[in-house]
Amino acid sequence: MVTPVIDLLPSPPVPTDSPPAFATKAGAFVTAQAAMVPQLNAAFAWQAASEAASLGYKNAAATSATAADASSTAAAGQVTLAAAQVALAATQASNAASSASQAQIAAAAAGSAAGLPSFTAKDAFDVLQINSAKNGVQWGKAGQSVGDILVTARAPGATYANGNRFSYLQSIYPDLYALIGALPDADRSTISTGTLNASFPSDALSSRLTADSGSLLIALCTNVAFCYTSADRGVTWVRRATPVFNWKSITVKSGLFLAATTDNPSQTYTTTDGVTWTARAILSLSPQLGAVAGLFVLIDQTGADAINHTSPDGITWTSRAVPTDLPIVGLFNVNGFLISLTGNSAFYSYTSDGISWARTNTSGNFQSIQYVAGTYFAVNNAADGGLFTATSLAGPWTKTTPLLIPSGGFSTFAGSSQGAVSSIDGVIIFPTNGTAAWVSNDSGKTWDYRITTANFSSPLALPGRFLQLAAANTTYSMPLRSYDSTTSFITPKSVAQPPPLTTYIKGKLV
């Protein structure tokens, strides 16, 4: 309803007005009063309607308040009922837990009486299995039986044996031994001697000038313009002609071999088969060659200015920063890194991309660095058999218990870039400065001093053996390991896995 409006009255006449003005005002005033009467009546009606509406609102509010009070009373009753239900539920839960506990006790007692093993310390992955005697049951892990292979980056526990020709006592894994038996293995004390080519006994071979692509070995001669190639991992060799005989260094990347001469300046050559050689860039006086991360690396420090170049193909070269440990006497690959050693300074440099180099200080003049099973091993030329270990090339290095040198033995290690490791078998060799070497058959846990009857100054790690190439194209072959087949056995050889993966074999169920 629209609120009514009463118009204002005009100015009334006064005695001082002139007769005409008085008459005009009086007429207007009377007329306005007549018009005001309907407006007053409308206002009184509007007021009466408003009072009636307000009374209706008051009565509705009173009714709502009465209803709300009734609802509140009902809600209080529901709360009381809910509290009673909660208390009852708690009592039922307590009774159920007690019943479950009693049932478990009864079940455990019944299972024990029936010969079932205890549930204590078991987890969600344990399952009941028939025991090895086949006269009862035992707990074990689901999914793997004795002899099954597992490739994983985790440590699967003592029920698994390393699946890469590791030696174990038969008593530790009797079920696995019963399954695979005593696999044949050579006597590690027997070092065999061979000749690559009886027609050319004067060929001077060098393991230092040997590169291994994984499918082809190329061994350069140091006194004649020939090399030897082997496509069967060093079992048989073929004599091949080469462009020159004065070789300085050789490396290989993705099946492409790169070699450099000792010419002044040095000529580089590439080959994929050891038969066809192609002359490439002349870059330096006496380069050291290596390869890492898809790049060839050439470093030379014999001139007035040291140089460092990288190339993806041995043809196009890019100048790089020079490592900090000069002069370099050895470049070699270890665990995806290219390491440069000086051989006479207590530091070395390393790179993972051939471009950026990092430097690490050491506790001695490292002669060689090797890597196996998550640990780096290094030796220096100290008389106490300086053996050091680290978990990173950045260090720190820890000196182990000195390797005890037998009376009259060779007390120091050979020059830089020596030693080799068979990552599949976990066997490491560090040659001494004579016909003896330190060998570990268990990834560096223990070491043996072995008389080698030949100077393994630059051994090559090949399947099942270390191979040393010597002058007069003579070869010396040292088996990696042996074991006492009456008490021990070795696990089968399996495919090498890229770190951090390792191959394991299920040795026992519990």
Protein backbone atom coordinates (compact mmCIF):
# COMPACT_ATOMS: atom_id res chain seq x y z
CA MET A 1 0.00 0.00 0.00
CA VAL A 2 1.33 3.44 -1.00
CA THR A 3 1.73 5.87 1.87
CA PRO A 4 -0.85 8.73 1.44
CA VAL A 5 0.30 12.36 1.05
CA ILE A 6 -1.67 15.50 2.30
CA ASP A 7 -0.97 18.65 0.30
CA LEU A 8 0.05 21.82 2.12
CA LEU A 9 -2.58 24.67 2.41
CA PRO A 10 -1.87 27.96 0.61
CA SER A 11 -1.22 31.19 2.53
CA PRO A 12 -4.40 32.30 4.41
CA PRO A 13 -5.80 35.88 4.06
CA VAL A 14 -4.92 38.42 6.75
CA PRO A 15 -6.71 41.68 7.83
CA THR A 16 -3.96 43.86 6.45
CA ASP A 17 -4.54 42.55 2.93
CA SER A 18 -6.25 44.85 0.47
CA PRO A 19 -9.80 43.87 -0.36
CA PRO A 20 -8.88 42.30 -3.73
CA ALA A 21 -5.89 40.37 -2.27
CA PHE A 22 -7.93 39.26 0.69
CA ALA A 23 -10.65 37.90 -1.57
CA THR A 24 -8.12 35.99 -3.78
CA LYS A 25 -6.35 34.36 -0.81
CA ALA A 26 -9.60 33.48 0.90
CA GLY A 27 -10.89 31.74 -2.21
CA ALA A 28 -7.74 29.70 -2.65
CA PHE A 29 -7.61 28.78 1.02
CA VAL A 30 -11.24 27.54 1.12
CA THR A 31 -10.76 25.54 -2.08
CA ALA A 32 -7.62 23.84 -0.64
CA GLN A 33 -9.46 22.90 2.55
CA ALA A 34 -12.17 21.22 0.51
CA ALA A 35 -9.54 19.16 -1.35
CA MET A 36 -7.83 18.17 1.95
CA VAL A 37 -10.87 16.26 3.24
CA PRO A 38 -10.47 13.26 0.84
CA GLN A 39 -6.71 13.16 1.51
CA LEU A 40 -7.35 12.98 5.28
CA ASN A 41 -9.86 10.19 4.82
CA ALA A 42 -7.31 8.19 2.72
CA ALA A 43 -4.64 8.69 5.39
CA PHE A 44 -6.98 7.46 8.15
CA ALA A 45 -7.82 4.34 6.09
CA TRP A 46 -4.12 3.61 5.43
CA GLN A 47 -3.37 3.88 9.17
CA ALA A 48 -6.20 1.48 10.05
CA ALA A 49 -4.92 -1.10 7.52
CA SER A 50 -1.36 -0.82 8.87
CA GLU A 51 -2.55 -1.43 12.43
CA ALA A 52 -4.45 -4.55 11.28
CA ALA A 53 -1.38 -5.90 9.46
CA SER A 54 0.86 -5.33 12.49
CA LEU A 55 -1.58 -7.26 14.65
CA GLY A 56 -1.44 -10.17 12.17
CA TYR A 57 2.38 -10.18 12.26
CA LYS A 58 2.32 -10.22 16.07
CA ASN A 59 -0.08 -13.16 16.17
CA ALA A 60 2.06 -15.12 13.57
CA ALA A 61 5.24 -14.48 15.55
CA ALA A 62 3.60 -15.78 18.70
CA THR A 63 2.51 -18.93 16.86
CA SER A 64 6.07 -19.46 15.51
CA ALA A 65 7.58 -19.05 18.95
CA THR A 66 5.23 -21.68 20.32
CA ALA A 67 6.20 -24.08 17.51
CA ALA A 68 9.95 -23.42 18.05
CA ASP A 69 9.61 -24.20 21.74
CA ALA A 70 7.94 -27.49 20.88
CA SER A 71 10.73 -28.33 18.39
CA SER A 72 13.40 -27.55 20.98
CA THR A 73 11.75 -29.89 23.43
CA ALA A 74 11.64 -32.64 20.78
CA ALA A 75 15.31 -32.05 19.83
CA ALA A 76 16.40 -32.38 23.43
CA GLY A 77 14.64 -35.73 23.52
CA GLN A 78 16.46 -36.84 20.35
CA VAL A 79 19.85 -35.84 21.83
CA THR A 80 19.14 -37.90 24.91
CA LEU A 81 18.16 -40.85 22.70
CA ALA A 82 21.32 -40.45 20.54
CA ALA A 83 23.55 -40.41 23.60
CA ALA A 84 21.98 -43.64 24.72
CA GLN A 85 22.58 -45.15 21.26
CA VAL A 86 26.29 -44.06 21.33
CA ALA A 87 26.77 -45.64 24.72
CA LEU A 88 25.15 -48.82 23.47
CA ALA A 89 27.36 -48.85 20.34
CA ALA A 90 30.51 -48.39 22.45
CA THR A 91 29.47 -51.32 24.61
CA GLN A 92 28.84 -53.46 21.53
CA ALA A 93 32.25 -52.48 20.03
CA SER A 94 34.02 -53.38 23.25
CA ASN A 95 32.20 -56.71 23.34
CA ALA A 96 33.12 -57.34 19.66
CA ALA A 97 36.81 -56.54 20.26
CA SER A 98 36.85 -58.87 23.24
CA SER A 99 35.21 -61.58 21.15
CA ALA A 100 37.72 -61.05 18.31
CA SER A 101 40.63 -61.28 20.74
CA GLN A 102 39.23 -64.44 22.22
CA ALA A 103 38.68 -65.81 18.72
CA GLN A 104 42.29 -65.00 17.74
CA ILE A 105 43.59 -66.65 20.87
CA ALA A 106 41.47 -69.69 20.14
CA ALA A 107 42.52 -69.68 16.47
CA ALA A 108 46.22 -69.36 17.38
CA ALA A 109 45.88 -72.19 19.88
CA ALA A 110 44.06 -74.33 17.33
CA GLY A 111 46.59 -73.44 14.60
CA SER A 112 49.52 -74.23 16.90
CA ALA A 113 47.92 -77.55 17.81
CA ALA A 114 47.52 -78.23 14.08
CA GLY A 115 51.14 -77.33 13.35
CA LEU A 116 50.54 -73.85 11.86
CA PRO A 117 53.26 -71.20 12.43
CA SER A 118 52.68 -68.11 14.55
CA PHE A 119 51.32 -64.83 13.19
CA THR A 120 53.87 -62.84 15.22
CA ALA A 121 55.91 -60.29 13.19
CA LYS A 122 54.18 -61.17 9.92
CA ASP A 123 53.06 -58.57 7.38
CA ALA A 124 50.48 -58.32 4.62
CA PHE A 125 52.76 -59.92 2.01
CA ASP A 126 53.41 -63.14 3.95
CA VAL A 127 51.65 -66.31 2.84
CA LEU A 128 51.57 -69.88 4.08
CA GLN A 129 53.77 -72.22 2.05
CA ILE A 130 54.63 -75.90 2.14
CA ASN A 131 58.01 -76.26 3.82
CA SER A 132 61.05 -77.77 2.11
CA ALA A 133 60.57 -81.07 3.94
CA LYS A 134 57.00 -81.19 2.60
CA ASN A 135 55.68 -82.21 6.02
CA GLY A 136 54.14 -78.93 7.16
CA VAL A 137 53.69 -75.26 6.37
CA GLN A 138 55.71 -72.11 6.94
CA TRP A 139 55.44 -68.39 6.32
CA GLY A 140 57.02 -66.96 3.17
CA LYS A 141 56.72 -64.19 0.62
CA ALA A 142 54.26 -64.46 -2.22
CA GLY A 143 55.30 -64.64 -5.87
CA GLN A 144 58.84 -66.09 -5.74
CA SER A 145 60.02 -69.67 -5.42
CA VAL A 146 63.57 -70.98 -5.06
CA GLY A 147 65.43 -70.37 -8.32
CA ASP A 148 63.23 -67.46 -9.48
CA ILE A 149 65.07 -64.40 -10.83
CA LEU A 150 64.45 -60.91 -9.43
CA VAL A 151 65.80 -57.71 -11.03
CA THR A 152 65.46 -54.79 -8.64
CA ALA A 153 67.14 -51.68 -7.26
CA ARG A 154 66.20 -52.57 -3.67
CA ALA A 155 67.88 -54.97 -1.24
CA PRO A 156 65.53 -57.98 -1.24
CA GLY A 157 66.93 -59.54 1.92
CA ALA A 158 68.79 -62.68 2.95
CA THR A 159 66.40 -65.05 1.17
CA TYR A 160 67.92 -63.86 -2.13
CA ALA A 161 71.42 -64.54 -3.46
CA ASN A 162 73.30 -62.35 -5.93
CA GLY A 163 72.55 -63.80 -9.35
CA ASN A 164 75.89 -63.02 -11.04
CA ARG A 165 78.30 -65.87 -10.32
CA PHE A 166 78.66 -65.16 -6.62
CA SER A 167 80.00 -67.87 -4.34
CA TYR A 168 77.96 -69.08 -1.33
CA LEU A 169 78.18 -71.91 1.18
CA GLN A 170 75.88 -74.77 0.32
CA SER A 171 74.59 -74.68 3.90
CA ILE A 172 73.26 -71.12 3.46
CA TYR A 173 71.09 -71.90 0.44
CA PRO A 174 70.61 -75.69 0.48
CA ASP A 175 67.44 -75.59 -1.66
CA LEU A 176 69.10 -73.45 -4.34
CA TYR A 177 72.20 -75.64 -4.32
CA ALA A 178 70.02 -78.74 -4.70
CA LEU A 179 68.39 -77.05 -7.69
CA ILE A 180 71.44 -75.85 -9.64
CA GLY A 181 74.27 -77.97 -8.24
CA ALA A 182 77.97 -77.11 -8.40
CA LEU A 183 78.46 -75.19 -11.63
CA PRO A 184 81.91 -75.62 -13.19
CA ASP A 185 84.48 -72.94 -12.50
CA ALA A 186 88.18 -72.69 -13.29
CA ASP A 187 91.01 -72.88 -10.78
CA ARG A 188 91.92 -69.25 -10.26
CA SER A 189 95.56 -70.13 -9.54
CA THR A 190 96.06 -71.35 -13.11
CA ILE A 191 97.16 -68.62 -15.52
CA SER A 192 97.26 -69.78 -19.11
CA THR A 193 99.69 -68.45 -21.72
CA GLY A 194 98.92 -68.09 -25.40
CA THR A 195 100.24 -66.60 -28.63
CA LEU A 196 98.16 -64.40 -30.89
CA ASN A 197 100.15 -65.12 -34.04
CA ALA A 198 103.06 -67.56 -34.09
CA SER A 199 104.23 -66.21 -37.47
CA PHE A 200 105.01 -62.80 -35.99
CA PRO A 201 106.48 -63.38 -32.54
CA SER A 202 108.21 -59.99 -32.51
CA ASP A 203 104.97 -57.97 -32.64
CA ALA A 204 104.88 -55.83 -29.51
CA LEU A 205 101.29 -55.60 -28.26
CA SER A 206 100.04 -53.29 -25.56
CA SER A 207 96.97 -53.56 -23.38
CA ARG A 208 97.29 -49.80 -22.89
CA LEU A 209 96.62 -49.45 -26.62
CA THR A 210 93.61 -51.78 -26.64
CA ALA A 211 89.99 -50.65 -26.97
CA ASP A 212 86.90 -52.78 -26.41
CA SER A 213 83.55 -51.89 -28.06
CA GLY A 214 81.81 -54.85 -26.45
CA SER A 215 81.71 -56.74 -29.73
CA LEU A 216 85.19 -55.98 -31.11
CA LEU A 217 88.64 -55.72 -29.52
CA ILE A 218 91.41 -53.78 -31.27
CA ALA A 219 94.95 -54.12 -29.90
CA LEU A 220 97.55 -51.85 -31.49
CA CYS A 221 101.18 -52.84 -31.96
CA THR A 222 103.84 -50.43 -30.77
CA ASN A 223 106.64 -51.36 -33.15
CA VAL A 224 105.02 -52.34 -36.45
CA ALA A 225 102.21 -50.92 -38.60
CA PHE A 226 99.76 -53.64 -37.61
CA CYS A 227 97.00 -54.22 -35.10
CA TYR A 228 95.12 -57.31 -33.89
CA THR A 229 91.33 -57.58 -33.84
CA SER A 230 89.11 -60.05 -32.01
CA ALA A 231 85.38 -60.50 -32.59
CA ASP A 232 84.96 -63.29 -30.01
CA ARG A 233 86.03 -61.53 -26.80
CA GLY A 234 89.73 -62.26 -27.07
CA VAL A 235 89.60 -65.97 -27.94
CA THR A 236 90.93 -65.64 -31.51
CA TRP A 237 92.76 -62.73 -33.13
CA VAL A 238 93.42 -61.50 -36.69
CA ARG A 239 96.49 -59.44 -37.70
CA ARG A 240 95.54 -56.28 -39.65
CA ALA A 241 97.60 -53.57 -41.38
CA THR A 242 97.45 -50.02 -40.00
CA PRO A 243 98.53 -46.70 -41.56
CA VAL A 244 101.29 -46.11 -38.96
CA PHE A 245 103.10 -47.95 -36.16
CA ASN A 246 103.84 -45.12 -33.75
CA TRP A 247 100.53 -45.18 -31.86
CA LYS A 248 99.96 -43.07 -28.74
CA SER A 249 96.38 -43.71 -27.62
CA ILE A 250 93.10 -45.37 -28.60
CA THR A 251 89.50 -45.21 -27.39
CA VAL A 252 86.07 -46.28 -28.65
CA LYS A 253 82.53 -44.81 -28.60
CA SER A 254 79.40 -46.46 -30.00
CA GLY A 255 81.43 -48.85 -32.15
CA LEU A 256 83.68 -46.11 -33.59
CA PHE A 257 87.37 -46.40 -32.66
CA LEU A 258 89.56 -43.28 -32.46
CA ALA A 259 93.36 -43.59 -32.31
CA ALA A 260 96.18 -41.06 -32.19
CA THR A 261 99.85 -41.29 -33.12
CA THR A 262 102.98 -39.99 -31.43
CA ASP A 263 103.86 -37.90 -34.51
CA ASN A 264 104.71 -34.25 -34.02
CA PRO A 265 102.00 -33.05 -34.43
CA SER A 266 99.83 -36.09 -33.79
CA GLN A 267 97.55 -37.51 -36.48
CA THR A 268 94.23 -39.07 -35.48
CA TYR A 269 92.47 -41.94 -37.27
CA THR A 270 89.03 -43.54 -37.05
CA THR A 271 87.93 -47.09 -37.83
CA THR A 272 84.93 -49.32 -37.17
CA ASP A 273 86.57 -52.67 -37.91
CA GLY A 274 90.36 -52.30 -37.57
CA VAL A 275 90.66 -52.90 -41.32
CA THR A 276 89.83 -49.51 -42.87
CA TRP A 277 91.46 -46.51 -41.21
CA THR A 278 90.61 -42.88 -42.08
CA ALA A 279 92.94 -39.99 -41.28
CA ARG A 280 91.30 -37.20 -39.31
CA ALA A 281 92.33 -33.94 -37.63
CA ILE A 282 95.88 -33.06 -36.55
CA LEU A 283 95.31 -31.37 -33.21
CA SER A 284 98.22 -31.74 -30.81
CA LEU A 285 101.64 -33.15 -30.08
CA SER A 286 100.87 -36.15 -27.89
CA PRO A 287 97.19 -36.51 -27.01
CA GLN A 288 95.43 -38.68 -24.46
CA LEU A 289 92.09 -40.00 -25.74
CA GLY A 290 88.90 -40.91 -23.91
CA ALA A 291 85.16 -41.01 -24.44
CA VAL A 292 82.18 -40.11 -22.25
CA ALA A 293 78.54 -39.09 -22.71
CA GLY A 294 78.61 -39.56 -26.48
CA LEU A 295 81.74 -37.45 -26.99
CA PHE A 296 85.36 -38.21 -27.79
CA VAL A 297 87.73 -36.28 -25.50
CA LEU A 298 91.28 -35.34 -26.53
CA ILE A 299 93.61 -33.78 -23.96
CA ASP A 300 97.25 -32.78 -24.46
CA GLN A 301 99.53 -30.99 -22.03
CA THR A 302 102.94 -31.57 -23.64
CA GLY A 303 103.06 -28.27 -25.51
CA ALA A 304 103.34 -24.76 -24.19
CA ASP A 305 99.57 -24.58 -23.87
CA ALA A 306 97.48 -27.52 -22.73
CA ILE A 307 94.45 -28.24 -24.89
CA ASN A 308 91.15 -30.05 -24.41
CA HIS A 309 88.83 -30.83 -27.31
CA THR A 310 85.63 -32.83 -27.70
CA SER A 311 84.06 -34.34 -30.79
CA PRO A 312 80.90 -36.37 -31.47
CA ASP A 313 82.45 -38.15 -34.49
CA GLY A 314 86.25 -37.77 -34.39
CA ILE A 315 86.01 -35.27 -37.27
CA THR A 316 84.60 -32.01 -35.91
CA TRP A 317 86.29 -30.82 -32.72
CA THR A 318 85.35 -28.12 -30.18
CA SER A 319 87.82 -26.49 -27.80
CA ARG A 320 86.97 -26.91 -24.10
CA ALA A 321 88.32 -25.92 -20.70
CA VAL A 322 91.38 -27.86 -19.56
CA PRO A 323 91.17 -30.10 -16.46
CA THR A 324 93.06 -28.86 -13.43
CA ASP A 325 95.28 -31.91 -12.90
CA LEU A 326 98.08 -31.59 -15.43
CA PRO A 327 100.14 -33.31 -16.66
CA ILE A 328 97.74 -36.18 -17.38
CA VAL A 329 99.19 -39.66 -17.49
CA GLY A 330 95.94 -41.60 -17.81
CA LEU A 331 92.35 -41.16 -19.00
CA PHE A 332 89.90 -43.95 -18.35
CA ASN A 333 86.19 -44.59 -17.85
CA VAL A 334 84.73 -45.53 -14.49
CA ASN A 335 80.98 -45.76 -13.81
CA GLY A 336 79.99 -43.25 -16.47
CA PHE A 337 82.78 -40.78 -15.66
CA LEU A 338 86.01 -39.98 -17.50
CA ILE A 339 88.82 -39.59 -14.96
CA SER A 340 92.23 -38.03 -15.52
CA LEU A 341 95.10 -38.97 -13.21
CA THR A 342 98.45 -37.27 -12.87
CA GLY A 343 100.13 -40.19 -11.10
CA ASN A 344 102.27 -37.82 -9.05
CA SER A 345 99.82 -35.39 -7.44
CA ALA A 346 97.32 -35.80 -4.63
CA PHE A 347 94.31 -34.87 -6.74
CA TYR A 348 92.48 -35.85 -9.91
CA SER A 349 89.80 -34.45 -12.24
CA TYR A 350 86.68 -36.10 -13.59
CA THR A 351 83.80 -35.30 -15.94
CA SER A 352 80.45 -36.85 -16.79
CA ASP A 353 79.94 -34.90 -20.03
CA GLY A 354 83.48 -34.26 -21.35
CA ILE A 355 82.95 -30.51 -21.00
CA SER A 356 82.83 -29.57 -17.31
CA TRP A 357 85.49 -30.99 -14.98
CA ALA A 358 85.48 -31.31 -11.19
CA ARG A 359 88.54 -31.79 -9.02
CA THR A 360 88.99 -33.95 -5.91
CA ASN A 361 91.89 -33.94 -3.48
CA THR A 362 93.17 -37.32 -2.32
CA SER A 363 95.39 -38.76 0.38
CA GLY A 364 98.02 -39.95 -2.05
CA ASN A 365 99.11 -40.26 -5.64
CA PHE A 366 96.36 -42.46 -7.03
CA GLN A 367 97.54 -44.93 -9.63
CA SER A 368 94.13 -46.35 -10.53
CA ILE A 369 90.44 -45.95 -9.71
CA GLN A 370 87.84 -48.69 -10.21
CA TYR A 371 84.15 -49.04 -9.32
CA VAL A 372 81.95 -51.99 -8.39
CA ALA A 373 78.79 -52.55 -6.32
CA GLY A 374 78.33 -48.90 -5.31
CA THR A 375 81.92 -48.29 -4.14
CA TYR A 376 84.94 -46.66 -5.76
CA PHE A 377 88.32 -48.27 -5.08
CA ALA A 378 91.65 -46.53 -5.61
CA VAL A 379 95.29 -47.41 -4.97
CA ASN A 380 98.42 -45.34 -4.65
CA ASN A 381 102.05 -46.38 -4.79
CA ALA A 382 102.61 -46.49 -1.03
CA ALA A 383 104.64 -49.37 0.33
CA ASP A 384 101.78 -50.48 2.60
CA GLY A 385 99.46 -51.22 -0.28
CA GLY A 386 97.53 -47.97 -0.14
CA LEU A 387 93.90 -48.98 -0.80
CA PHE A 388 91.18 -46.31 -0.52
CA THR A 389 87.38 -46.41 -0.83
CA ALA A 390 84.68 -43.81 -1.46
CA THR A 391 81.01 -43.81 -2.41
CA SER A 392 81.43 -40.77 -4.70
CA LEU A 393 84.20 -39.41 -6.89
CA ALA A 394 83.79 -36.17 -4.95
CA GLY A 395 85.05 -38.06 -1.88
CA PRO A 396 85.78 -38.29 0.91
CA TRP A 397 88.20 -41.20 0.54
CA THR A 398 88.84 -43.59 3.41
CA LYS A 399 92.01 -45.63 3.65
CA THR A 400 91.29 -49.27 4.41
CA THR A 401 93.33 -51.67 6.50
CA PRO A 402 96.71 -51.88 4.73
CA LEU A 403 97.00 -54.83 2.37
CA LEU A 404 99.67 -57.01 3.95
CA ILE A 405 102.51 -57.69 1.53
CA PRO A 406 104.08 -61.17 1.82
CA SER A 407 107.79 -61.29 2.55
CA GLY A 408 109.70 -60.65 -0.64
CA GLY A 409 106.54 -59.58 -2.49
CA PHE A 410 106.07 -56.57 -4.72
CA SER A 411 105.05 -53.80 -2.40
CA THR A 412 103.78 -51.07 -4.69
CA PHE A 413 101.10 -50.84 -7.36
CA ALA A 414 101.80 -50.32 -11.03
CA GLY A 415 101.62 -47.00 -12.85
CA SER A 416 98.52 -44.99 -13.68
CA SER A 417 95.50 -46.40 -15.52
CA GLN A 418 96.15 -49.88 -14.19
CA GLY A 419 93.71 -52.40 -12.77
CA ALA A 420 90.40 -53.71 -14.04
CA VAL A 421 87.04 -54.79 -12.69
CA SER A 422 84.48 -57.34 -13.82
CA SER A 423 81.25 -55.76 -12.67
CA ILE A 424 79.26 -58.90 -13.51
CA ASP A 425 81.31 -61.07 -11.18
CA GLY A 426 82.34 -58.39 -8.68
CA VAL A 427 86.04 -59.20 -9.22
CA ILE A 428 88.66 -56.43 -9.01
CA ILE A 429 92.36 -56.65 -9.88
CA PHE A 430 95.06 -54.12 -9.02
CA PRO A 431 98.48 -55.18 -10.38
CA THR A 432 101.67 -54.54 -8.48
CA ASN A 433 104.97 -53.45 -9.97
CA GLY A 434 105.92 -57.08 -10.59
CA THR A 435 104.48 -60.54 -11.23
CA ALA A 436 101.78 -60.33 -8.57
CA ALA A 437 98.45 -58.64 -8.08
CA TRP A 438 95.85 -57.88 -5.46
CA VAL A 439 92.51 -59.49 -6.36
CA SER A 440 89.10 -59.28 -4.71
CA ASN A 441 86.44 -61.84 -5.61
CA ASP A 442 83.67 -60.25 -3.53
CA SER A 443 83.36 -56.63 -4.71
CA GLY A 444 86.22 -55.38 -2.54
CA LYS A 445 85.22 -56.91 0.80
CA THR A 446 88.30 -59.13 1.02
CA TRP A 447 91.55 -59.19 -0.95
CA ASP A 448 94.08 -61.87 -1.92
CA TYR A 449 97.72 -61.39 -2.88
CA ARG A 450 98.21 -63.59 -5.92
CA ILE A 451 101.40 -64.52 -7.71
CA THR A 452 100.56 -64.11 -11.39
CA THR A 453 103.73 -65.49 -13.10
CA ALA A 454 103.29 -62.57 -15.51
CA ASN A 455 103.06 -58.83 -15.09
CA PHE A 456 99.37 -57.97 -15.39
CA SER A 457 100.21 -54.28 -15.80
CA SER A 458 97.15 -53.44 -17.94
CA PRO A 459 94.57 -56.23 -17.63
CA LEU A 460 91.42 -56.35 -19.73
CA ALA A 461 88.22 -57.53 -18.03
CA LEU A 462 86.62 -60.11 -20.34
CA PRO A 463 83.91 -62.67 -19.63
CA GLY A 464 85.22 -65.07 -17.01
CA ARG A 465 88.84 -63.86 -17.08
CA PHE A 466 91.35 -61.05 -17.09
CA LEU A 467 93.51 -60.86 -20.21
CA GLN A 468 97.00 -59.34 -20.38
CA LEU A 469 98.60 -58.64 -23.77
CA ALA A 470 102.40 -58.63 -23.76
CA ALA A 471 105.35 -58.23 -26.10
CA ALA A 472 106.01 -60.98 -28.66
CA ASN A 473 102.19 -61.13 -29.10
CA THR A 474 101.91 -63.26 -25.97
CA THR A 475 98.72 -63.36 -23.93
CA TYR A 476 98.20 -64.22 -20.29
CA SER A 477 94.75 -65.24 -19.12
CA MET A 478 93.70 -65.26 -15.45
CA PRO A 479 90.35 -66.86 -14.46
CA LEU A 480 88.22 -64.54 -12.36
CA ARG A 481 87.42 -66.90 -9.50
CA SER A 482 87.25 -70.42 -8.12
CA TYR A 483 85.52 -72.06 -5.18
CA ASP A 484 85.54 -75.23 -3.09
CA SER A 485 82.81 -77.28 -4.74
CA THR A 486 82.60 -79.61 -1.73
CA THR A 487 81.25 -76.87 0.55
CA SER A 488 80.30 -74.00 -1.77
CA PHE A 489 78.61 -73.25 -5.06
CA ILE A 490 78.25 -70.30 -7.41
CA THR A 491 75.08 -68.75 -8.77
CA PRO A 492 74.52 -68.80 -12.54
CA LYS A 493 75.79 -65.93 -14.67
CA SER A 494 73.01 -63.55 -15.71
CA VAL A 495 72.71 -60.50 -17.91
CA ALA A 496 74.41 -57.45 -16.43
CA GLN A 497 71.96 -54.75 -15.40
CA PRO A 498 72.56 -50.98 -15.57
CA PRO A 499 73.01 -49.39 -12.13
CA PRO A 500 71.23 -49.26 -9.75
CA LEU A 501 69.56 -52.50 -10.88
CA THR A 502 70.94 -55.85 -9.72
CA THR A 503 69.94 -59.41 -10.61
CA TYR A 504 69.11 -61.70 -7.69
CA ILE A 505 68.04 -65.34 -7.50
CA LYS A 506 65.67 -66.72 -4.87
CA GLY A 507 67.89 -68.84 -2.62
CA LYS A 508 65.54 -69.92 0.15
CA LEU A 509 61.99 -69.31 1.31
CA VAL A 510 62.71 -68.17 4.87
